[in-house]
PDB file of N, CA and C in Angstrom:
ATOM      1  N   UNK A   1      66.675 -27.188 -23.910  1.00  0.00           N
ATOM      2  CA  UNK A   1      67.119 -25.816 -23.556  1.00  0.00           C
ATOM      3  C   UNK A   1      66.432 -24.739 -24.771  1.00  0.00           C
ATOM      4  N   UNK A   2      65.472 -24.095 -24.265  1.00  0.00           N
ATOM      5  CA  UNK A   2      64.979 -23.221 -24.892  1.00  0.00           C
ATOM      6  C   UNK A   2      64.567 -21.734 -24.496  1.00  0.00           C
ATOM      7  N   UNK A   3      63.539 -21.297 -24.560  1.00  0.00           N
ATOM      8  CA  UNK A   3      63.274 -20.038 -23.871  1.00  0.00           C
ATOM      9  C   UNK A   3      62.268 -20.116 -22.608  1.00  0.00           C
ATOM     10  N   UNK A   4      62.408 -21.266 -21.899  1.00  0.00           N
ATOM     11  CA  UNK A   4      61.404 -21.496 -20.958  1.00  0.00           C
ATOM     12  C   UNK A   4      61.840 -20.461 -19.711  1.00  0.00           C
ATOM     13  N   UNK A   5      61.073 -20.262 -18.562  1.00  0.00           N
ATOM     14  CA  UNK A   5      61.074 -19.375 -17.428  1.00  0.00           C
ATOM     15  C   UNK A   5      62.221 -19.949 -16.791  1.00  0.00           C
ATOM     16  N   UNK A   6      63.095 -18.968 -16.449  1.00  0.00           N
ATOM     17  CA  UNK A   6      64.046 -19.170 -15.739  1.00  0.00           C
ATOM     18  C   UNK A   6      65.520 -19.419 -16.739  1.00  0.00           C
ATOM     19  N   UNK A   7      65.469 -19.443 -17.894  1.00  0.00           N
ATOM     20  CA  UNK A   7      66.555 -19.528 -18.848  1.00  0.00           C
ATOM     21  C   UNK A   7      67.380 -18.226 -18.726  1.00  0.00           C
ATOM     22  N   UNK A   8      68.548 -18.561 -18.208  1.00  0.00           N
ATOM     23  CA  UNK A   8      69.453 -17.534 -18.141  1.00  0.00           C
ATOM     24  C   UNK A   8      70.383 -17.299 -19.494  1.00  0.00           C
ATOM     25  N   UNK A   9      70.424 -18.095 -20.359  1.00  0.00           N
ATOM     26  CA  UNK A   9      71.348 -18.046 -21.478  1.00  0.00           C
ATOM     27  C   UNK A   9      70.862 -17.177 -22.429  1.00  0.00           C
ATOM     28  N   UNK A  10      69.980 -16.735 -22.647  1.00  0.00           N
ATOM     29  CA  UNK A  10      69.616 -15.854 -23.793  1.00  0.00           C
ATOM     30  C   UNK A  10      69.020 -14.424 -23.386  1.00  0.00           C
ATOM     31  N   UNK A  11      69.383 -14.030 -22.438  1.00  0.00           N
ATOM     32  CA  UNK A  11      68.639 -12.470 -22.031  1.00  0.00           C
ATOM     33  C   UNK A  11      69.462 -11.478 -22.733  1.00  0.00           C
ATOM     34  N   UNK A  12      70.570 -11.749 -23.321  1.00  0.00           N
ATOM     35  CA  UNK A  12      71.101 -10.671 -24.231  1.00  0.00           C
ATOM     36  C   UNK A  12      71.824  -9.669 -23.081  1.00  0.00           C
ATOM     37  N   UNK A  13      72.112  -8.483 -23.555  1.00  0.00           N
ATOM     38  CA  UNK A  13      72.685  -7.333 -22.678  1.00  0.00           C
ATOM     39  C   UNK A  13      71.830  -6.844 -21.832  1.00  0.00           C
ATOM     40  N   UNK A  14      72.249  -6.426 -20.610  1.00  0.00           N
ATOM     41  CA  UNK A  14      71.264  -5.736 -19.608  1.00  0.00           C
ATOM     42  C   UNK A  14      70.636  -4.640 -20.090  1.00  0.00           C
ATOM     43  N   UNK A  15      69.287  -4.332 -19.878  1.00  0.00           N
ATOM     44  CA  UNK A  15      68.705  -3.171 -20.109  1.00  0.00           C
ATOM     45  C   UNK A  15      69.501  -1.676 -19.732  1.00  0.00           C
ATOM     46  N   UNK A  16      69.676  -0.835 -20.687  1.00  0.00           N
ATOM     47  CA  UNK A  16      70.202   0.674 -20.634  1.00  0.00           C
ATOM     48  C   UNK A  16      71.953   0.455 -20.802  1.00  0.00           C
ATOM     49  N   UNK A  17      72.360  -0.777 -20.991  1.00  0.00           N
ATOM     50  CA  UNK A  17      73.826  -0.965 -21.349  1.00  0.00           C
ATOM     51  C   UNK A  17      74.044  -0.602 -22.745  1.00  0.00           C
ATOM     52  N   UNK A  18      75.097   0.084 -23.034  1.00  0.00           N
ATOM     53  CA  UNK A  18      75.569   0.403 -24.666  1.00  0.00           C
ATOM     54  C   UNK A  18      75.666  -0.586 -25.449  1.00  0.00           C
ATOM     55  N   UNK A  19      75.433  -0.598 -26.594  1.00  0.00           N
ATOM     56  CA  UNK A  19      75.716  -1.876 -27.550  1.00  0.00           C
ATOM     57  C   UNK A  19      77.116  -1.508 -28.030  1.00  0.00           C
ATOM     58  N   UNK A  20      78.353  -2.094 -27.763  1.00  0.00           N
ATOM     59  CA  UNK A  20      79.497  -1.841 -27.772  1.00  0.00           C
ATOM     60  C   UNK A  20      79.863  -2.055 -29.266  1.00  0.00           C
ATOM     61  N   UNK A  21      79.401  -2.907 -30.066  1.00  0.00           N
ATOM     62  CA  UNK A  21      79.452  -3.092 -31.464  1.00  0.00           C
ATOM     63  C   UNK A  21      79.300  -1.762 -32.312  1.00  0.00           C
ATOM     64  N   UNK A  22      78.127  -1.388 -31.937  1.00  0.00           N
ATOM     65  CA  UNK A  22      77.406  -0.146 -32.358  1.00  0.00           C
ATOM     66  C   UNK A  22      78.343   1.003 -32.230  1.00  0.00           C
ATOM     67  N   UNK A  23      78.680   1.095 -30.989  1.00  0.00           N
ATOM     68  CA  UNK A  23      79.557   2.303 -30.658  1.00  0.00           C
ATOM     69  C   UNK A  23      80.964   2.401 -31.339  1.00  0.00           C
ATOM     70  N   UNK A  24      81.452   0.940 -31.712  1.00  0.00           N
ATOM     71  CA  UNK A  24      82.318   1.028 -32.452  1.00  0.00           C
ATOM     72  C   UNK A  24      82.454   1.365 -33.974  1.00  0.00           C
ATOM     73  N   UNK A  25      81.212   1.109 -34.419  1.00  0.00           N
ATOM     74  CA  UNK A  25      81.055   1.367 -36.008  1.00  0.00           C
ATOM     75  C   UNK A  25      80.776   2.906 -36.117  1.00  0.00           C
ATOM     76  N   UNK A  26      80.093   3.565 -34.842  1.00  0.00           N
ATOM     77  CA  UNK A  26      79.762   4.957 -35.140  1.00  0.00           C
ATOM     78  C   UNK A  26      80.830   5.830 -34.789  1.00  0.00           C
ATOM     79  N   UNK A  27      82.010   5.201 -33.805  1.00  0.00           N
ATOM     80  CA  UNK A  27      83.356   5.952 -34.057  1.00  0.00           C
ATOM     81  C   UNK A  27      84.103   5.963 -35.217  1.00  0.00           C
ATOM     82  N   UNK A  28      84.045   4.826 -35.934  1.00  0.00           N
ATOM     83  CA  UNK A  28      84.813   4.643 -37.097  1.00  0.00           C
ATOM     84  C   UNK A  28      84.030   5.593 -38.353  1.00  0.00           C
ATOM     85  N   UNK A  29      83.007   5.674 -38.424  1.00  0.00           N
ATOM     86  CA  UNK A  29      82.208   6.487 -39.089  1.00  0.00           C
ATOM     87  C   UNK A  29      82.482   7.815 -38.890  1.00  0.00           C
ATOM     88  N   UNK A  30      82.309   8.263 -37.921  1.00  0.00           N
ATOM     89  CA  UNK A  30      82.869   9.652 -37.113  1.00  0.00           C
ATOM     90  C   UNK A  30      84.159   9.961 -37.455  1.00  0.00           C
ATOM     91  N   UNK A  31      85.194   8.983 -37.450  1.00  0.00           N
ATOM     92  CA  UNK A  31      86.437   9.425 -38.140  1.00  0.00           C
ATOM     93  C   UNK A  31      86.672   9.558 -39.600  1.00  0.00           C
ATOM     94  N   UNK A  32      85.951   8.791 -40.338  1.00  0.00           N
ATOM     95  CA  UNK A  32      85.733   8.804 -41.750  1.00  0.00           C
ATOM     96  C   UNK A  32      85.319  10.009 -42.249  1.00  0.00           C
ATOM     97  N   UNK A  33      84.083  10.643 -41.438  1.00  0.00           N
ATOM     98  CA  UNK A  33      83.593  11.703 -41.970  1.00  0.00           C
ATOM     99  C   UNK A  33      84.443  12.885 -41.771  1.00  0.00           C
ATOM    100  N   UNK A  34      85.013  13.202 -40.610  1.00  0.00           N
ATOM    101  CA  UNK A  34      86.019  13.933 -40.211  1.00  0.00           C
ATOM    102  C   UNK A  34      87.009  14.151 -40.945  1.00  0.00           C
ATOM    103  N   UNK A  35      87.643  13.028 -41.392  1.00  0.00           N
ATOM    104  CA  UNK A  35      88.775  12.910 -42.361  1.00  0.00           C
ATOM    105  C   UNK A  35      88.426  13.475 -43.764  1.00  0.00           C
ATOM    106  N   UNK A  36      86.982  13.125 -44.454  1.00  0.00           N
ATOM    107  CA  UNK A  36      86.511  13.644 -45.661  1.00  0.00           C
ATOM    108  C   UNK A  36      86.169  15.132 -45.513  1.00  0.00           C
ATOM    109  N   UNK A  37      85.762  15.469 -44.315  1.00  0.00           N
ATOM    110  CA  UNK A  37      85.360  16.950 -44.275  1.00  0.00           C
ATOM    111  C   UNK A  37      86.699  17.788 -44.201  1.00  0.00           C
ATOM    112  N   UNK A  38      87.821  17.071 -43.617  1.00  0.00           N
ATOM    113  CA  UNK A  38      89.208  18.023 -43.553  1.00  0.00           C
ATOM    114  C   UNK A  38      89.837  18.090 -44.997  1.00  0.00           C
ATOM    115  N   UNK A  39      89.220  17.188 -45.935  1.00  0.00           N
ATOM    116  CA  UNK A  39      89.911  17.188 -47.222  1.00  0.00           C
ATOM    117  C   UNK A  39      89.275  18.479 -48.376  1.00  0.00           C
ATOM    118  N   UNK A  40      88.027  18.866 -47.812  1.00  0.00           N
ATOM    119  CA  UNK A  40      87.084  19.690 -48.628  1.00  0.00           C
ATOM    120  C   UNK A  40      87.655  21.020 -48.283  1.00  0.00           C
ATOM    121  N   UNK A  41      88.083  21.951 -49.406  1.00  0.00           N
ATOM    122  CA  UNK A  41      88.282  23.329 -49.180  1.00  0.00           C
ATOM    123  C   UNK A  41      86.999  23.950 -49.403  1.00  0.00           C
ATOM    124  N   UNK A  42      86.517  24.468 -48.171  1.00  0.00           N
ATOM    125  CA  UNK A  42      85.308  25.157 -48.026  1.00  0.00           C
ATOM    126  C   UNK A  42      85.476  26.381 -48.702  1.00  0.00           C
ATOM    127  N   UNK A  43      86.478  26.988 -48.872  1.00  0.00           N
ATOM    128  CA  UNK A  43      86.621  28.365 -49.570  1.00  0.00           C
ATOM    129  C   UNK A  43      86.228  28.408 -51.000  1.00  0.00           C
ATOM    130  N   UNK A  44      86.414  27.205 -51.608  1.00  0.00           N
ATOM    131  CA  UNK A  44      86.180  26.942 -52.933  1.00  0.00           C
ATOM    132  C   UNK A  44      84.541  26.571 -53.177  1.00  0.00           C
ATOM    133  N   UNK A  45      83.834  26.426 -52.085  1.00  0.00           N
ATOM    134  CA  UNK A  45      82.508  26.107 -52.269  1.00  0.00           C
ATOM    135  C   UNK A  45      81.402  27.297 -52.690  1.00  0.00           C
ATOM    136  N   UNK A  46      80.359  27.333 -53.182  1.00  0.00           N
ATOM    137  CA  UNK A  46      79.381  28.610 -53.412  1.00  0.00           C
ATOM    138  C   UNK A  46      78.521  28.572 -52.091  1.00  0.00           C
ATOM    139  N   UNK A  47      77.910  29.567 -51.846  1.00  0.00           N
ATOM    140  CA  UNK A  47      77.047  29.976 -50.811  1.00  0.00           C
ATOM    141  C   UNK A  47      76.111  28.883 -50.606  1.00  0.00           C
ATOM    142  N   UNK A  48      75.411  28.401 -51.612  1.00  0.00           N
ATOM    143  CA  UNK A  48      74.548  27.444 -51.532  1.00  0.00           C
ATOM    144  C   UNK A  48      75.009  26.045 -51.380  1.00  0.00           C
ATOM    145  N   UNK A  49      76.223  25.855 -52.059  1.00  0.00           N
ATOM    146  CA  UNK A  49      76.722  24.450 -51.457  1.00  0.00           C
ATOM    147  C   UNK A  49      77.167  24.180 -50.015  1.00  0.00           C
ATOM    148  N   UNK A  50      77.765  25.477 -49.345  1.00  0.00           N
ATOM    149  CA  UNK A  50      77.953  25.419 -47.821  1.00  0.00           C
ATOM    150  C   UNK A  50      76.778  25.239 -47.226  1.00  0.00           C
ATOM    151  N   UNK A  51      75.673  25.719 -47.469  1.00  0.00           N
ATOM    152  CA  UNK A  51      74.248  25.547 -46.816  1.00  0.00           C
ATOM    153  C   UNK A  51      74.223  24.222 -47.044  1.00  0.00           C
ATOM    154  N   UNK A  52      74.091  23.567 -48.111  1.00  0.00           N
ATOM    155  CA  UNK A  52      73.626  22.284 -48.423  1.00  0.00           C
ATOM    156  C   UNK A  52      74.418  21.322 -47.452  1.00  0.00           C
ATOM    157  N   UNK A  53      75.661  21.545 -47.585  1.00  0.00           N
ATOM    158  CA  UNK A  53      76.388  20.655 -46.812  1.00  0.00           C
ATOM    159  C   UNK A  53      76.283  20.672 -45.320  1.00  0.00           C
ATOM    160  N   UNK A  54      75.960  21.750 -44.967  1.00  0.00           N
ATOM    161  CA  UNK A  54      75.529  22.122 -43.426  1.00  0.00           C
ATOM    162  C   UNK A  54      74.255  21.180 -43.038  1.00  0.00           C
ATOM    163  N   UNK A  55      73.265  21.349 -44.039  1.00  0.00           N
ATOM    164  CA  UNK A  55      71.971  20.725 -43.956  1.00  0.00           C
ATOM    165  C   UNK A  55      72.193  19.277 -43.753  1.00  0.00           C
ATOM    166  N   UNK A  56      73.094  18.574 -44.541  1.00  0.00           N
ATOM    167  CA  UNK A  56      73.569  17.220 -44.602  1.00  0.00           C
ATOM    168  C   UNK A  56      74.214  16.855 -43.443  1.00  0.00           C
ATOM    169  N   UNK A  57      74.976  17.490 -43.244  1.00  0.00           N
ATOM    170  CA  UNK A  57      75.943  17.114 -41.904  1.00  0.00           C
ATOM    171  C   UNK A  57      75.227  17.235 -40.624  1.00  0.00           C
ATOM    172  N   UNK A  58      74.446  18.290 -40.320  1.00  0.00           N
ATOM    173  CA  UNK A  58      73.776  18.833 -39.083  1.00  0.00           C
ATOM    174  C   UNK A  58      72.716  17.812 -38.820  1.00  0.00           C
ATOM    175  N   UNK A  59      71.987  16.875 -39.906  1.00  0.00           N
ATOM    176  CA  UNK A  59      70.908  16.035 -39.677  1.00  0.00           C
ATOM    177  C   UNK A  59      71.558  14.780 -39.096  1.00  0.00           C
ATOM    178  N   UNK A  60      72.834  14.616 -39.260  1.00  0.00           N
ATOM    179  CA  UNK A  60      73.391  13.356 -38.595  1.00  0.00           C
ATOM    180  C   UNK A  60      74.303  13.724 -37.410  1.00  0.00           C
ATOM    181  N   UNK A  61      74.316  14.942 -36.940  1.00  0.00           N
ATOM    182  CA  UNK A  61      75.229  15.463 -35.782  1.00  0.00           C
ATOM    183  C   UNK A  61      74.169  15.852 -34.522  1.00  0.00           C
ATOM    184  N   UNK A  62      73.264  16.522 -34.927  1.00  0.00           N
ATOM    185  CA  UNK A  62      72.088  16.773 -33.932  1.00  0.00           C
ATOM    186  C   UNK A  62      70.919  16.000 -33.825  1.00  0.00           C
ATOM    187  N   UNK A  63      70.555  15.982 -32.499  1.00  0.00           N
ATOM    188  CA  UNK A  63      69.141  14.936 -32.392  1.00  0.00           C
ATOM    189  C   UNK A  63      67.995  15.856 -33.041  1.00  0.00           C
ATOM    190  N   UNK A  64      67.055  15.008 -33.572  1.00  0.00           N
ATOM    191  CA  UNK A  64      65.915  15.595 -34.253  1.00  0.00           C
ATOM    192  C   UNK A  64      64.899  15.796 -33.115  1.00  0.00           C
ATOM    193  N   UNK A  65      64.248  16.986 -33.265  1.00  0.00           N
ATOM    194  CA  UNK A  65      63.117  17.392 -32.357  1.00  0.00           C
ATOM    195  C   UNK A  65      61.994  16.743 -32.574  1.00  0.00           C
ATOM    196  N   UNK A  66      61.401  16.619 -31.357  1.00  0.00           N
ATOM    197  CA  UNK A  66      60.216  15.976 -31.510  1.00  0.00           C
ATOM    198  C   UNK A  66      59.130  17.108 -31.696  1.00  0.00           C
ATOM    199  N   UNK A  67      57.749  16.936 -32.566  1.00  0.00           N
ATOM    200  CA  UNK A  67      56.792  17.701 -32.311  1.00  0.00           C
ATOM    201  C   UNK A  67      56.035  17.894 -31.050  1.00  0.00           C
ATOM    202  N   UNK A  68      55.557  19.142 -30.831  1.00  0.00           N
ATOM    203  CA  UNK A  68      54.746  19.204 -29.696  1.00  0.00           C
ATOM    204  C   UNK A  68      53.300  19.703 -30.145  1.00  0.00           C
ATOM    205  N   UNK A  69      52.222  18.911 -29.556  1.00  0.00           N
ATOM    206  CA  UNK A  69      51.266  19.136 -29.724  1.00  0.00           C
ATOM    207  C   UNK A  69      50.300  20.202 -28.952  1.00  0.00           C
ATOM    208  N   UNK A  70      50.178  21.434 -29.200  1.00  0.00           N
ATOM    209  CA  UNK A  70      49.671  22.389 -28.231  1.00  0.00           C
ATOM    210  C   UNK A  70      48.186  22.431 -27.912  1.00  0.00           C
ATOM    211  N   UNK A  71      47.438  21.604 -28.869  1.00  0.00           N
ATOM    212  CA  UNK A  71      46.105  21.376 -28.540  1.00  0.00           C
ATOM    213  C   UNK A  71      45.804  20.143 -27.750  1.00  0.00           C
ATOM    214  N   UNK A  72      46.784  19.898 -26.951  1.00  0.00           N
ATOM    215  CA  UNK A  72      46.338  18.211 -26.270  1.00  0.00           C
ATOM    216  C   UNK A  72      45.292  18.598 -25.371  1.00  0.00           C
ATOM    217  N   UNK A  73      45.432  19.567 -24.563  1.00  0.00           N
ATOM    218  CA  UNK A  73      44.290  19.804 -23.178  1.00  0.00           C
ATOM    219  C   UNK A  73      43.152  20.540 -23.563  1.00  0.00           C
ATOM    220  N   UNK A  74      42.863  20.696 -24.747  1.00  0.00           N
ATOM    221  CA  UNK A  74      42.095  21.993 -25.089  1.00  0.00           C
ATOM    222  C   UNK A  74      40.757  20.934 -25.621  1.00  0.00           C
ATOM    223  N   UNK A  75      39.498  21.473 -25.362  1.00  0.00           N
ATOM    224  CA  UNK A  75      38.476  20.818 -26.161  1.00  0.00           C
ATOM    225  C   UNK A  75      38.291  21.267 -27.236  1.00  0.00           C
ATOM    226  N   UNK A  76      37.695  20.627 -28.135  1.00  0.00           N
ATOM    227  CA  UNK A  76      37.163  21.019 -29.547  1.00  0.00           C
ATOM    228  C   UNK A  76      36.018  21.833 -29.405  1.00  0.00           C
ATOM    229  N   UNK A  77      36.002  23.117 -28.824  1.00  0.00           N
ATOM    230  CA  UNK A  77      34.633  23.952 -28.736  1.00  0.00           C
ATOM    231  C   UNK A  77      34.458  24.699 -30.079  1.00  0.00           C
ATOM    232  N   UNK A  78      33.178  24.483 -30.823  1.00  0.00           N
ATOM    233  CA  UNK A  78      33.152  25.743 -31.944  1.00  0.00           C
ATOM    234  C   UNK A  78      33.302  26.992 -31.508  1.00  0.00           C
ATOM    235  N   UNK A  79      33.925  27.933 -32.168  1.00  0.00           N
ATOM    236  CA  UNK A  79      34.102  29.205 -32.328  1.00  0.00           C
ATOM    237  C   UNK A  79      32.981  30.018 -31.629  1.00  0.00           C
ATOM    238  N   UNK A  80      31.868  29.731 -32.237  1.00  0.00           N
ATOM    239  CA  UNK A  80      30.719  30.253 -32.017  1.00  0.00           C
ATOM    240  C   UNK A  80      30.112  30.028 -30.440  1.00  0.00           C
ATOM    241  N   UNK A  81      30.746  28.820 -29.537  1.00  0.00           N
ATOM    242  CA  UNK A  81      30.526  28.797 -28.402  1.00  0.00           C
ATOM    243  C   UNK A  81      31.284  29.481 -27.562  1.00  0.00           C
ATOM    244  N   UNK A  82      32.555  29.679 -28.100  1.00  0.00           N
ATOM    245  CA  UNK A  82      33.387  30.470 -27.312  1.00  0.00           C
ATOM    246  C   UNK A  82      33.333  32.115 -27.074  1.00  0.00           C
ATOM    247  N   UNK A  83      32.599  32.501 -28.142  1.00  0.00           N
ATOM    248  CA  UNK A  83      32.258  33.863 -28.331  1.00  0.00           C
ATOM    249  C   UNK A  83      30.852  34.222 -27.656  1.00  0.00           C
ATOM    250  N   UNK A  84      30.622  35.186 -26.886  1.00  0.00           N
ATOM    251  CA  UNK A  84      29.495  35.493 -26.228  1.00  0.00           C
ATOM    252  C   UNK A  84      29.217  37.272 -26.180  1.00  0.00           C
ATOM    253  N   UNK A  85      28.569  37.522 -27.111  1.00  0.00           N
ATOM    254  CA  UNK A  85      28.153  39.075 -27.130  1.00  0.00           C
ATOM    255  C   UNK A  85      26.974  39.266 -26.411  1.00  0.00           C
ATOM    256  N   UNK A  86      27.171  40.361 -25.588  1.00  0.00           N
ATOM    257  CA  UNK A  86      26.266  40.818 -24.615  1.00  0.00           C
ATOM    258  C   UNK A  86      25.687  42.238 -24.853  1.00  0.00           C
ATOM    259  N   UNK A  87      24.643  42.598 -25.411  1.00  0.00           N
ATOM    260  CA  UNK A  87      24.235  43.970 -26.039  1.00  0.00           C
ATOM    261  C   UNK A  87      23.836  44.827 -24.730  1.00  0.00           C
ATOM    262  N   UNK A  88      23.141  44.396 -23.684  1.00  0.00           N
ATOM    263  CA  UNK A  88      22.911  45.429 -22.600  1.00  0.00           C
ATOM    264  C   UNK A  88      22.973  44.574 -21.209  1.00  0.00           C
ATOM    265  N   UNK A  89      22.805  45.256 -20.128  1.00  0.00           N
ATOM    266  CA  UNK A  89      23.046  44.900 -18.747  1.00  0.00           C
ATOM    267  C   UNK A  89      21.961  43.688 -18.395  1.00  0.00           C
ATOM    268  N   UNK A  90      20.922  43.687 -18.857  1.00  0.00           N
ATOM    269  CA  UNK A  90      19.923  42.780 -18.724  1.00  0.00           C
ATOM    270  C   UNK A  90      20.180  41.436 -19.372  1.00  0.00           C
ATOM    271  N   UNK A  91      20.711  41.539 -20.600  1.00  0.00           N
ATOM    272  CA  UNK A  91      21.394  39.962 -21.257  1.00  0.00           C
ATOM    273  C   UNK A  91      22.573  39.631 -20.194  1.00  0.00           C
ATOM    274  N   UNK A  92      23.435  40.525 -19.816  1.00  0.00           N
ATOM    275  CA  UNK A  92      24.491  40.195 -19.165  1.00  0.00           C
ATOM    276  C   UNK A  92      24.130  39.440 -17.722  1.00  0.00           C
ATOM    277  N   UNK A  93      23.215  39.903 -17.238  1.00  0.00           N
ATOM    278  CA  UNK A  93      22.644  39.564 -15.806  1.00  0.00           C
ATOM    279  C   UNK A  93      22.006  38.193 -16.123  1.00  0.00           C
ATOM    280  N   UNK A  94      21.240  37.830 -17.244  1.00  0.00           N
ATOM    281  CA  UNK A  94      20.624  36.533 -17.713  1.00  0.00           C
ATOM    282  C   UNK A  94      21.787  35.699 -17.944  1.00  0.00           C
ATOM    283  N   UNK A  95      22.863  35.974 -18.665  1.00  0.00           N
ATOM    284  CA  UNK A  95      23.694  35.353 -18.826  1.00  0.00           C
ATOM    285  C   UNK A  95      24.659  34.534 -17.603  1.00  0.00           C
ATOM    286  N   UNK A  96      24.936  35.496 -16.750  1.00  0.00           N
ATOM    287  CA  UNK A  96      25.707  35.296 -15.575  1.00  0.00           C
ATOM    288  C   UNK A  96      24.672  34.360 -14.858  1.00  0.00           C
ATOM    289  N   UNK A  97      23.309  34.460 -14.814  1.00  0.00           N
ATOM    290  CA  UNK A  97      22.393  33.492 -14.132  1.00  0.00           C
ATOM    291  C   UNK A  97      22.396  32.099 -14.632  1.00  0.00           C
ATOM    292  N   UNK A  98      22.409  31.736 -16.089  1.00  0.00           N
ATOM    293  CA  UNK A  98      22.555  30.702 -16.679  1.00  0.00           C
ATOM    294  C   UNK A  98      23.843  30.035 -16.548  1.00  0.00           C
ATOM    295  N   UNK A  99      24.887  30.812 -16.446  1.00  0.00           N
ATOM    296  CA  UNK A  99      26.273  30.166 -16.294  1.00  0.00           C
ATOM    297  C   UNK A  99      26.386  29.589 -14.792  1.00  0.00           C
ATOM    298  N   UNK A 100      25.972  30.327 -13.712  1.00  0.00           N
ATOM    299  CA  UNK A 100      25.945  29.994 -12.396  1.00  0.00           C
ATOM    300  C   UNK A 100      25.386  28.587 -12.191  1.00  0.00           C
ATOM    301  N   UNK A 101      23.888  28.512 -12.851  1.00  0.00           N
ATOM    302  CA  UNK A 101      23.060  27.326 -12.954  1.00  0.00           C
ATOM    303  C   UNK A 101      23.891  26.191 -13.436  1.00  0.00           C
ATOM    304  N   UNK A 102      24.701  26.600 -14.704  1.00  0.00           N
ATOM    305  CA  UNK A 102      25.270  25.374 -15.151  1.00  0.00           C
ATOM    306  C   UNK A 102      26.472  24.725 -14.250  1.00  0.00           C
ATOM    307  N   UNK A 103      27.093  25.637 -13.742  1.00  0.00           N
ATOM    308  CA  UNK A 103      28.206  25.237 -12.865  1.00  0.00           C
ATOM    309  C   UNK A 103      27.770  24.576 -11.619  1.00  0.00           C
ATOM    310  N   UNK A 104      26.629  25.178 -11.023  1.00  0.00           N
ATOM    311  CA  UNK A 104      26.158  24.690  -9.844  1.00  0.00           C
ATOM    312  C   UNK A 104      25.356  23.108 -10.191  1.00  0.00           C
ATOM    313  N   UNK A 105      24.790  22.948 -11.405  1.00  0.00           N
ATOM    314  CA  UNK A 105      24.265  21.731 -11.548  1.00  0.00           C
ATOM    315  C   UNK A 105      24.768  20.596 -12.528  1.00  0.00           C
ATOM    316  N   UNK A 106      26.155  21.188 -12.952  1.00  0.00           N
ATOM    317  CA  UNK A 106      26.998  20.596 -13.977  1.00  0.00           C
ATOM    318  C   UNK A 106      26.552  20.041 -15.175  1.00  0.00           C
ATOM    319  N   UNK A 107      25.570  21.203 -15.866  1.00  0.00           N
ATOM    320  CA  UNK A 107      24.971  20.795 -17.039  1.00  0.00           C
ATOM    321  C   UNK A 107      25.351  22.154 -18.108  1.00  0.00           C
ATOM    322  N   UNK A 108      25.092  21.913 -19.313  1.00  0.00           N
ATOM    323  CA  UNK A 108      25.543  22.677 -20.264  1.00  0.00           C
ATOM    324  C   UNK A 108      24.124  23.297 -20.957  1.00  0.00           C
ATOM    325  N   UNK A 109      23.668  24.410 -20.883  1.00  0.00           N
ATOM    326  CA  UNK A 109      22.512  24.817 -21.482  1.00  0.00           C
ATOM    327  C   UNK A 109      22.787  25.619 -22.662  1.00  0.00           C
ATOM    328  N   UNK A 110      23.937  26.356 -22.655  1.00  0.00           N
ATOM    329  CA  UNK A 110      24.063  27.383 -23.783  1.00  0.00           C
ATOM    330  C   UNK A 110      25.381  26.611 -24.887  1.00  0.00           C
TER     331      UNK A 110
END
């Protein structure tokens, strides 16, 4: 009787179900923290002590935010390739011709 295929004795709790023991511990800790907070006279605390208390409490009461990478879909193109300076109409026309050729043939010339 081990971990062979078809063994139904060691599957644990179903996926997505809550851990009841963990929920009980969290509930007891919440009660303990609420009781301690109720014994603190906030009016006697300095402004910096109030801010510090908020920092400590909120990190356990609010979910942490995940960072977002804004550069996920952007290519790493050097800045000089992103900026094109055209000084006259002839250069602009040549640049447009080259860009059209690049698009048509799927190549990069400049």
